[in-house]
């Protein structure tokens, strides 16, 4: 049977609990900003992954179908429905084939669509549309035929700088300290990169 003294010292006193809770609250307050930054950085990576996957799918579909396709950004929540308006810096993406006939006898075919972000703290900077030709290269096309505006969005090839030129989509999130970019080369290669680093053999993740 435990002695009276053992019973008295086996638990926590109120003062000890107050001190422990105070230390815990201080540690949480110190860790909270770091955790918020980490969560925001993860969100940047998630949006970039979705953007990179969409662009790669568009490039792959152009090769598989042996025809031009257009990757579009939009703020429409139904980018799978023909007639949406492509806009620069949009939060959704879609892929359509580009009609090869100009007499209206052929309509764009929907390939796939996806969400990049549906929150206001995410910033996506990039041109409204990117077109890939039948061999998977970036091309200029002023008549994509996929939006409600005349002739559709214009796909423009990137120009220098940098050299060689690349089409760049930039992603940042409020509270994050590591923005990321997705670059598309003239040859159609898609590359996620860190703008704080310069692309080199030593820094393959750089831009």
Protein backbone atom coordinates (compact mmCIF):
# COMPACT_ATOMS: atom_id res chain seq x y z
CA UNK A 1 0.00 0.00 0.00
CA UNK A 2 1.37 3.46 -0.99
CA UNK A 3 2.34 5.74 1.83
CA UNK A 4 0.69 9.11 2.35
CA UNK A 5 3.91 10.77 1.13
CA UNK A 6 3.96 8.71 -2.11
CA UNK A 7 0.37 9.65 -2.83
CA UNK A 8 1.17 13.31 -2.32
CA UNK A 9 4.10 13.43 -4.81
CA UNK A 10 2.79 11.08 -7.53
CA UNK A 11 0.80 13.76 -9.45
CA UNK A 12 1.20 17.34 -10.76
CA UNK A 13 0.53 20.38 -8.71
CA UNK A 14 -1.56 23.21 -10.14
CA UNK A 15 1.54 25.40 -10.38
CA UNK A 16 3.43 22.75 -12.35
CA UNK A 17 0.55 22.39 -14.81
CA UNK A 18 0.36 26.17 -15.29
CA UNK A 19 4.10 26.33 -15.98
CA UNK A 20 3.94 23.37 -18.40
CA UNK A 21 1.01 24.88 -20.28
CA UNK A 22 2.80 28.23 -20.46
CA UNK A 23 5.91 26.60 -21.97
CA UNK A 24 3.73 24.67 -24.44
CA UNK A 25 1.93 27.87 -25.50
CA UNK A 26 5.28 29.62 -26.10
CA UNK A 27 6.55 26.74 -28.23
CA UNK A 28 3.34 26.70 -30.29
CA UNK A 29 3.53 30.48 -30.81
CA UNK A 30 7.14 30.14 -31.99
CA UNK A 31 6.35 27.26 -34.34
CA UNK A 32 3.13 28.67 -35.83
CA UNK A 33 4.75 31.10 -38.34
CA UNK A 34 7.12 28.38 -39.55
CA UNK A 35 4.24 25.96 -39.98
CA UNK A 36 2.16 28.56 -41.87
CA UNK A 37 5.06 29.22 -44.24
CA UNK A 38 5.55 25.47 -44.76
CA UNK A 39 1.86 24.96 -45.54
CA UNK A 40 1.94 27.86 -48.04
CA UNK A 41 5.06 26.45 -49.71
CA UNK A 42 3.35 23.07 -50.04
CA UNK A 43 0.40 24.81 -51.69
CA UNK A 44 2.74 26.47 -54.21
CA UNK A 45 4.16 23.06 -55.07
CA UNK A 46 0.69 21.54 -55.39
CA UNK A 47 -0.52 24.25 -57.82
CA UNK A 48 2.70 23.96 -59.85
CA UNK A 49 2.31 20.19 -60.03
CA UNK A 50 -1.23 20.59 -61.40
CA UNK A 51 -0.07 23.19 -63.93
CA UNK A 52 2.90 21.09 -65.02
CA UNK A 53 0.75 17.98 -65.42
CA UNK A 54 -1.79 19.87 -67.54
CA UNK A 55 0.87 21.26 -69.86
CA UNK A 56 2.55 17.88 -70.20
CA UNK A 57 -0.78 16.26 -71.00
CA UNK A 58 -1.42 18.86 -73.72
CA UNK A 59 1.99 18.21 -75.25
CA UNK A 60 1.48 14.44 -75.05
CA UNK A 61 -1.98 14.65 -76.64
CA UNK A 62 -0.64 16.69 -79.55
CA UNK A 63 1.79 13.86 -80.30
CA UNK A 64 -0.73 11.07 -79.71
CA UNK A 65 -3.41 12.67 -81.90
CA UNK A 66 -0.89 14.03 -84.42
CA UNK A 67 -2.59 17.41 -84.46
CA UNK A 68 -2.52 20.81 -82.79
CA UNK A 69 -3.97 21.18 -79.31
CA UNK A 70 -4.44 24.26 -77.14
CA UNK A 71 -3.84 24.48 -73.40
CA UNK A 72 -5.88 27.37 -71.96
CA UNK A 73 -6.13 29.14 -68.63
CA UNK A 74 -9.56 30.39 -67.58
CA UNK A 75 -11.56 31.51 -64.58
CA UNK A 76 -14.60 29.56 -65.75
CA UNK A 77 -15.58 26.78 -63.37
CA UNK A 78 -16.77 24.73 -66.36
CA UNK A 79 -13.77 24.70 -68.72
CA UNK A 80 -14.96 21.39 -70.13
CA UNK A 81 -17.85 23.24 -71.79
CA UNK A 82 -17.07 24.87 -75.13
CA UNK A 83 -17.61 28.62 -75.06
CA UNK A 84 -15.63 29.48 -71.93
CA UNK A 85 -13.30 32.48 -72.17
CA UNK A 86 -9.58 31.88 -71.86
CA UNK A 87 -7.79 34.51 -69.77
CA UNK A 88 -4.24 35.15 -68.66
CA UNK A 89 -3.51 34.20 -65.05
CA UNK A 90 -6.59 31.94 -64.81
CA UNK A 91 -7.25 29.48 -61.98
CA UNK A 92 -8.53 26.62 -64.13
CA UNK A 93 -7.11 24.91 -67.23
CA UNK A 94 -8.46 23.01 -70.20
CA UNK A 95 -7.17 21.20 -73.26
CA UNK A 96 -8.94 21.13 -76.63
CA UNK A 97 -7.94 20.05 -80.09
CA UNK A 98 -7.67 22.82 -82.67
CA UNK A 99 -9.85 22.31 -85.77
CA UNK A 100 -7.73 21.76 -88.85
CA UNK A 101 -10.53 22.92 -91.16
CA UNK A 102 -11.25 26.65 -91.34
CA UNK A 103 -14.69 26.33 -92.97
CA UNK A 104 -16.47 25.51 -89.71
CA UNK A 105 -17.03 21.85 -90.61
CA UNK A 106 -14.95 20.71 -87.64
CA UNK A 107 -15.37 21.64 -83.98
CA UNK A 108 -12.82 21.55 -81.15
CA UNK A 109 -12.72 18.27 -79.22
CA UNK A 110 -12.48 18.41 -75.44
CA UNK A 111 -9.52 16.49 -74.00
CA UNK A 112 -9.32 17.27 -70.28
CA UNK A 113 -9.69 20.06 -67.73
CA UNK A 114 -8.53 20.70 -64.19
CA UNK A 115 -8.33 23.10 -61.25
CA UNK A 116 -5.20 25.01 -60.31
CA UNK A 117 -6.66 26.98 -57.40
CA UNK A 118 -10.01 28.21 -56.12
CA UNK A 119 -8.68 30.49 -53.37
CA UNK A 120 -7.71 34.15 -53.53
CA UNK A 121 -4.28 33.85 -51.91
CA UNK A 122 -2.83 32.00 -54.93
CA UNK A 123 -1.32 34.02 -57.77
CA UNK A 124 -0.82 32.40 -61.18
CA UNK A 125 0.88 34.50 -63.85
CA UNK A 126 0.94 33.24 -67.42
CA UNK A 127 -0.48 33.81 -70.90
CA UNK A 128 -4.01 32.69 -71.71
CA UNK A 129 -3.10 29.89 -74.09
CA UNK A 130 -0.26 27.68 -75.28
CA UNK A 131 -0.49 25.69 -78.50
CA UNK A 132 1.40 22.51 -79.35
CA UNK A 133 1.71 21.28 -82.93
CA UNK A 134 1.53 17.67 -84.13
CA UNK A 135 5.14 17.02 -83.13
CA UNK A 136 4.75 18.52 -79.66
CA UNK A 137 6.42 21.88 -80.23
CA UNK A 138 5.09 25.28 -79.19
CA UNK A 139 3.53 27.15 -82.10
CA UNK A 140 1.85 30.48 -82.76
CA UNK A 141 -1.86 30.26 -83.54
CA UNK A 142 -4.34 33.14 -83.58
CA UNK A 143 -7.40 30.97 -84.33
CA UNK A 144 -7.64 28.32 -81.64
CA UNK A 145 -11.45 28.36 -81.77
CA UNK A 146 -12.00 27.31 -78.15
CA UNK A 147 -13.42 30.40 -76.46
CA UNK A 148 -16.34 32.79 -76.73
CA UNK A 149 -14.14 35.59 -78.05
CA UNK A 150 -13.44 36.16 -81.74
CA UNK A 151 -10.87 33.70 -83.07
CA UNK A 152 -10.13 32.45 -79.57
CA UNK A 153 -7.03 33.25 -77.52
CA UNK A 154 -3.80 33.82 -79.36
CA UNK A 155 -1.04 31.30 -78.75
CA UNK A 156 2.28 33.09 -78.99
CA UNK A 157 5.73 31.57 -78.99
CA UNK A 158 8.06 32.88 -76.29
CA UNK A 159 10.77 35.32 -77.26
CA UNK A 160 14.10 36.20 -75.63
CA UNK A 161 15.12 36.74 -72.92
CA UNK A 162 16.08 34.23 -71.66
CA UNK A 163 18.12 32.43 -74.29
CA UNK A 164 16.86 30.02 -75.44
CA UNK A 165 13.38 31.49 -74.92
CA UNK A 166 10.82 29.71 -72.76
CA UNK A 167 7.12 30.18 -72.01
CA UNK A 168 6.86 30.88 -68.27
CA UNK A 169 4.02 30.40 -65.79
CA UNK A 170 4.71 31.80 -62.31
CA UNK A 171 3.02 30.57 -59.12
CA UNK A 172 3.13 32.22 -55.70
CA UNK A 173 1.02 32.02 -52.55
CA UNK A 174 0.56 34.69 -49.89
CA UNK A 175 2.71 33.66 -46.94
CA UNK A 176 5.04 31.39 -48.93
CA UNK A 177 8.74 32.14 -49.26
CA UNK A 178 9.43 29.80 -52.18
CA UNK A 179 7.65 30.74 -55.42
CA UNK A 180 7.96 28.26 -58.27
CA UNK A 181 7.73 28.57 -62.05
CA UNK A 182 6.72 26.16 -64.79
CA UNK A 183 8.60 26.69 -68.04
CA UNK A 184 7.84 25.33 -71.50
CA UNK A 185 10.60 25.36 -74.09
CA UNK A 186 10.07 25.87 -77.82
CA UNK A 187 10.55 22.13 -78.24
CA UNK A 188 7.67 21.44 -75.85
CA UNK A 189 9.64 20.29 -72.81
CA UNK A 190 7.91 21.20 -69.54
CA UNK A 191 10.07 21.99 -66.50
CA UNK A 192 9.17 23.08 -62.95
CA UNK A 193 11.88 25.29 -61.51
CA UNK A 194 12.97 27.51 -58.62
CA UNK A 195 13.43 31.15 -59.75
CA UNK A 196 15.92 31.75 -56.95
CA UNK A 197 18.36 29.38 -58.68
CA UNK A 198 19.97 29.58 -62.12
CA UNK A 199 19.59 26.45 -64.22
CA UNK A 200 22.92 24.65 -64.45
CA UNK A 201 24.47 21.24 -63.99
CA UNK A 202 24.86 22.03 -60.31
CA UNK A 203 21.27 23.37 -60.04
CA UNK A 204 19.01 21.25 -62.27
CA UNK A 205 15.94 22.64 -60.45
CA UNK A 206 16.85 26.25 -61.30
CA UNK A 207 15.16 28.46 -63.88
